[in-house]
């Protein structure tokens, strides 16, 4: 599928989320400097998510501390993954472990697969913290809808 069709697919996906969630979330769109979508849950114990299109790439970010960022191609398979991750976040199948300067986000997809992504900030996120994913502060996020 050409990039233009994939871009249209993402716009339609954002519109379907907005229609489906109604007052449970706010969907905002940007077009400059790049086309992007941010989804802000009405539930304060849920996690926001968004993506930005960068030519042949789309960057998906859950709005946790530092982790939860996926760089995906504008291909059908990667957009399927983006939709699966967004759906899981909306359904509350996401958790985050935080420690000084770093966090790991785990998203459980509908098929049971777990996707983990770790991020950090310098300089504190570069310092070793043995076993931080075991003792760090753990947050289990809720679904957008009760």
C-alpha atoms as a PDB file:
ATOM      1  CA  UNK A   1       0.000   0.000   0.000  1.00  0.00           C
ATOM      2  CA  UNK A   2       1.514   3.365  -0.969  1.00  0.00           C
ATOM      3  CA  UNK A   3       2.335   5.887   1.758  1.00  0.00           C
ATOM      4  CA  UNK A   4      -0.626   8.140   0.868  1.00  0.00           C
ATOM      5  CA  UNK A   5      -3.069   5.293   1.405  1.00  0.00           C
ATOM      6  CA  UNK A   6      -1.375   4.412   4.698  1.00  0.00           C
ATOM      7  CA  UNK A   7      -1.607   8.010   5.816  1.00  0.00           C
ATOM      8  CA  UNK A   8      -5.322   7.968   4.987  1.00  0.00           C
ATOM      9  CA  UNK A   9      -5.625   4.697   6.908  1.00  0.00           C
ATOM     10  CA  UNK A  10      -4.182   6.384  10.015  1.00  0.00           C
ATOM     11  CA  UNK A  11      -6.584   9.311   9.676  1.00  0.00           C
ATOM     12  CA  UNK A  12      -9.529   6.916   9.379  1.00  0.00           C
ATOM     13  CA  UNK A  13      -8.259   4.962  12.383  1.00  0.00           C
ATOM     14  CA  UNK A  14      -8.100   8.164  14.461  1.00  0.00           C
ATOM     15  CA  UNK A  15     -11.630   9.089  13.346  1.00  0.00           C
ATOM     16  CA  UNK A  16     -12.939   5.632  14.301  1.00  0.00           C
ATOM     17  CA  UNK A  17     -11.329   5.912  17.750  1.00  0.00           C
ATOM     18  CA  UNK A  18     -12.887   9.334  18.258  1.00  0.00           C
ATOM     19  CA  UNK A  19     -16.326   8.072  17.213  1.00  0.00           C
ATOM     20  CA  UNK A  20     -16.045   4.897  19.295  1.00  0.00           C
ATOM     21  CA  UNK A  21     -14.764   6.501  22.505  1.00  0.00           C
ATOM     22  CA  UNK A  22     -16.967   9.592  22.483  1.00  0.00           C
ATOM     23  CA  UNK A  23     -16.552  11.507  25.744  1.00  0.00           C
ATOM     24  CA  UNK A  24     -14.119   8.911  27.144  1.00  0.00           C
ATOM     25  CA  UNK A  25     -11.206  10.489  25.239  1.00  0.00           C
ATOM     26  CA  UNK A  26     -10.120  13.561  23.340  1.00  0.00           C
ATOM     27  CA  UNK A  27      -8.482  13.036  19.969  1.00  0.00           C
ATOM     28  CA  UNK A  28      -6.377  15.928  18.717  1.00  0.00           C
ATOM     29  CA  UNK A  29      -4.675  16.204  15.358  1.00  0.00           C
ATOM     30  CA  UNK A  30      -1.724  18.274  14.156  1.00  0.00           C
ATOM     31  CA  UNK A  31      -0.526  18.895  10.632  1.00  0.00           C
ATOM     32  CA  UNK A  32       2.603  20.979  11.167  1.00  0.00           C
ATOM     33  CA  UNK A  33       5.466  20.310  11.218  1.00  0.00           C
ATOM     34  CA  UNK A  34       4.265  16.718  10.681  1.00  0.00           C
ATOM     35  CA  UNK A  35       0.874  15.008  10.715  1.00  0.00           C
ATOM     36  CA  UNK A  36       0.157  13.575  14.142  1.00  0.00           C
ATOM     37  CA  UNK A  37      -2.584  12.314  16.414  1.00  0.00           C
ATOM     38  CA  UNK A  38      -2.758  12.426  20.223  1.00  0.00           C
ATOM     39  CA  UNK A  39      -5.366  10.536  22.208  1.00  0.00           C
ATOM     40  CA  UNK A  40      -5.960  11.815  25.746  1.00  0.00           C
ATOM     41  CA  UNK A  41      -8.121   9.622  27.967  1.00  0.00           C
ATOM     42  CA  UNK A  42     -10.835  11.082  30.155  1.00  0.00           C
ATOM     43  CA  UNK A  43      -9.910   8.544  32.837  1.00  0.00           C
ATOM     44  CA  UNK A  44      -6.934  10.014  34.758  1.00  0.00           C
ATOM     45  CA  UNK A  45      -5.701   6.478  35.521  1.00  0.00           C
ATOM     46  CA  UNK A  46      -5.445   5.591  31.820  1.00  0.00           C
ATOM     47  CA  UNK A  47      -2.421   6.256  29.619  1.00  0.00           C
ATOM     48  CA  UNK A  48      -2.446   8.572  26.608  1.00  0.00           C
ATOM     49  CA  UNK A  49      -1.010   7.565  23.269  1.00  0.00           C
ATOM     50  CA  UNK A  50      -0.168   9.239  19.995  1.00  0.00           C
ATOM     51  CA  UNK A  51       1.682   8.969  16.747  1.00  0.00           C
ATOM     52  CA  UNK A  52       3.403  11.229  14.242  1.00  0.00           C
ATOM     53  CA  UNK A  53       4.004  10.520  10.566  1.00  0.00           C
ATOM     54  CA  UNK A  54       7.515  11.210   9.319  1.00  0.00           C
ATOM     55  CA  UNK A  55       7.524  10.367   5.623  1.00  0.00           C
ATOM     56  CA  UNK A  56       7.961   6.615   5.310  1.00  0.00           C
ATOM     57  CA  UNK A  57       7.976   6.191   9.081  1.00  0.00           C
ATOM     58  CA  UNK A  58       5.461   6.596  11.887  1.00  0.00           C
ATOM     59  CA  UNK A  59       6.560   7.054  15.490  1.00  0.00           C
ATOM     60  CA  UNK A  60       4.125   5.717  18.090  1.00  0.00           C
ATOM     61  CA  UNK A  61       4.504   6.902  21.681  1.00  0.00           C
ATOM     62  CA  UNK A  62       2.605   6.030  24.806  1.00  0.00           C
ATOM     63  CA  UNK A  63       2.573   9.021  27.091  1.00  0.00           C
ATOM     64  CA  UNK A  64       4.320   7.451  30.058  1.00  0.00           C
ATOM     65  CA  UNK A  65       7.544   8.655  31.636  1.00  0.00           C
ATOM     66  CA  UNK A  66      10.316   7.779  29.188  1.00  0.00           C
ATOM     67  CA  UNK A  67       9.623   4.371  27.656  1.00  0.00           C
ATOM     68  CA  UNK A  68       7.005   3.301  25.163  1.00  0.00           C
ATOM     69  CA  UNK A  69       8.220   4.596  21.807  1.00  0.00           C
ATOM     70  CA  UNK A  70       8.102   2.520  18.649  1.00  0.00           C
ATOM     71  CA  UNK A  71       9.507   3.593  15.271  1.00  0.00           C
ATOM     72  CA  UNK A  72       7.466   1.819  12.616  1.00  0.00           C
ATOM     73  CA  UNK A  73       7.463   1.785   8.827  1.00  0.00           C
ATOM     74  CA  UNK A  74       4.443   3.132   6.959  1.00  0.00           C
ATOM     75  CA  UNK A  75       3.654  -0.415   5.854  1.00  0.00           C
ATOM     76  CA  UNK A  76       0.533  -2.485   6.262  1.00  0.00           C
ATOM     77  CA  UNK A  77       2.105  -4.865   8.794  1.00  0.00           C
ATOM     78  CA  UNK A  78       3.520  -2.071  10.952  1.00  0.00           C
ATOM     79  CA  UNK A  79       0.239  -0.158  10.847  1.00  0.00           C
ATOM     80  CA  UNK A  80      -1.506  -3.356  11.979  1.00  0.00           C
ATOM     81  CA  UNK A  81       0.906  -3.367  14.930  1.00  0.00           C
ATOM     82  CA  UNK A  82       0.241   0.323  15.641  1.00  0.00           C
ATOM     83  CA  UNK A  83      -3.507  -0.325  15.702  1.00  0.00           C
ATOM     84  CA  UNK A  84      -3.022  -3.326  18.001  1.00  0.00           C
ATOM     85  CA  UNK A  85      -0.882  -1.320  20.441  1.00  0.00           C
ATOM     86  CA  UNK A  86      -3.326   1.603  20.461  1.00  0.00           C
ATOM     87  CA  UNK A  87      -6.230  -0.790  21.041  1.00  0.00           C
ATOM     88  CA  UNK A  88      -4.426  -2.423  23.959  1.00  0.00           C
ATOM     89  CA  UNK A  89      -3.664   0.937  25.586  1.00  0.00           C
ATOM     90  CA  UNK A  90      -7.304   1.996  25.190  1.00  0.00           C
ATOM     91  CA  UNK A  91      -8.409  -1.293  26.792  1.00  0.00           C
ATOM     92  CA  UNK A  92      -5.983  -0.822  29.705  1.00  0.00           C
ATOM     93  CA  UNK A  93      -3.605  -3.650  28.885  1.00  0.00           C
ATOM     94  CA  UNK A  94      -0.494  -1.600  29.642  1.00  0.00           C
ATOM     95  CA  UNK A  95       1.849  -1.145  32.581  1.00  0.00           C
ATOM     96  CA  UNK A  96       4.925   0.905  33.274  1.00  0.00           C
ATOM     97  CA  UNK A  97       7.897   0.401  35.580  1.00  0.00           C
ATOM     98  CA  UNK A  98       9.799   3.579  36.481  1.00  0.00           C
ATOM     99  CA  UNK A  99      13.105   4.262  38.135  1.00  0.00           C
ATOM    100  CA  UNK A 100      15.423   7.269  38.123  1.00  0.00           C
ATOM    101  CA  UNK A 101      15.709   8.547  34.542  1.00  0.00           C
ATOM    102  CA  UNK A 102      14.157   5.511  32.874  1.00  0.00           C
ATOM    103  CA  UNK A 103      10.971   3.562  32.339  1.00  0.00           C
ATOM    104  CA  UNK A 104       9.788   0.394  30.646  1.00  0.00           C
ATOM    105  CA  UNK A 105       6.336   0.191  29.128  1.00  0.00           C
ATOM    106  CA  UNK A 106       4.775  -3.219  28.541  1.00  0.00           C
ATOM    107  CA  UNK A 107       1.734  -3.522  26.304  1.00  0.00           C
ATOM    108  CA  UNK A 108      -0.188  -6.796  26.183  1.00  0.00           C
ATOM    109  CA  UNK A 109      -1.758  -7.268  22.759  1.00  0.00           C
ATOM    110  CA  UNK A 110      -5.147  -8.921  22.269  1.00  0.00           C
ATOM    111  CA  UNK A 111      -3.403 -12.145  21.173  1.00  0.00           C
ATOM    112  CA  UNK A 112      -1.406 -12.260  24.441  1.00  0.00           C
ATOM    113  CA  UNK A 113       1.932 -11.085  23.056  1.00  0.00           C
ATOM    114  CA  UNK A 114       3.822  -8.660  25.297  1.00  0.00           C
ATOM    115  CA  UNK A 115       5.669  -5.758  23.719  1.00  0.00           C
ATOM    116  CA  UNK A 116       8.215  -3.969  25.871  1.00  0.00           C
ATOM    117  CA  UNK A 117       9.997  -0.741  25.162  1.00  0.00           C
ATOM    118  CA  UNK A 118      12.480   0.948  27.468  1.00  0.00           C
ATOM    119  CA  UNK A 119      13.562   4.559  27.341  1.00  0.00           C
ATOM    120  CA  UNK A 120      15.523   6.983  29.434  1.00  0.00           C
ATOM    121  CA  UNK A 121      16.946  10.443  29.737  1.00  0.00           C
ATOM    122  CA  UNK A 122      20.548  11.476  30.091  1.00  0.00           C
ATOM    123  CA  UNK A 123      22.513  11.531  32.263  1.00  0.00           C
ATOM    124  CA  UNK A 124      20.523   9.722  34.973  1.00  0.00           C
ATOM    125  CA  UNK A 125      19.044   7.143  32.588  1.00  0.00           C
ATOM    126  CA  UNK A 126      22.545   6.105  31.507  1.00  0.00           C
ATOM    127  CA  UNK A 127      23.727   5.194  34.989  1.00  0.00           C
ATOM    128  CA  UNK A 128      23.468   1.501  35.861  1.00  0.00           C
ATOM    129  CA  UNK A 129      20.647   0.530  38.213  1.00  0.00           C
ATOM    130  CA  UNK A 130      20.772  -3.231  38.706  1.00  0.00           C
ATOM    131  CA  UNK A 131      17.400  -4.972  38.562  1.00  0.00           C
ATOM    132  CA  UNK A 132      15.489  -1.678  38.361  1.00  0.00           C
ATOM    133  CA  UNK A 133      12.589  -3.352  36.522  1.00  0.00           C
ATOM    134  CA  UNK A 134      12.007  -5.500  39.620  1.00  0.00           C
ATOM    135  CA  UNK A 135      12.106  -2.777  42.295  1.00  0.00           C
ATOM    136  CA  UNK A 136      11.009   0.265  40.283  1.00  0.00           C
ATOM    137  CA  UNK A 137       7.626   1.909  40.766  1.00  0.00           C
ATOM    138  CA  UNK A 138       5.016  -0.115  38.873  1.00  0.00           C
ATOM    139  CA  UNK A 139       1.843   1.410  37.449  1.00  0.00           C
ATOM    140  CA  UNK A 140      -0.976  -0.632  35.956  1.00  0.00           C
ATOM    141  CA  UNK A 141      -3.024   1.690  33.759  1.00  0.00           C
ATOM    142  CA  UNK A 142      -6.777   1.441  33.408  1.00  0.00           C
ATOM    143  CA  UNK A 143      -8.982   1.324  30.342  1.00  0.00           C
ATOM    144  CA  UNK A 144     -10.377   4.503  28.847  1.00  0.00           C
ATOM    145  CA  UNK A 145     -13.931   3.298  29.517  1.00  0.00           C
ATOM    146  CA  UNK A 146     -15.125   1.926  32.851  1.00  0.00           C
END
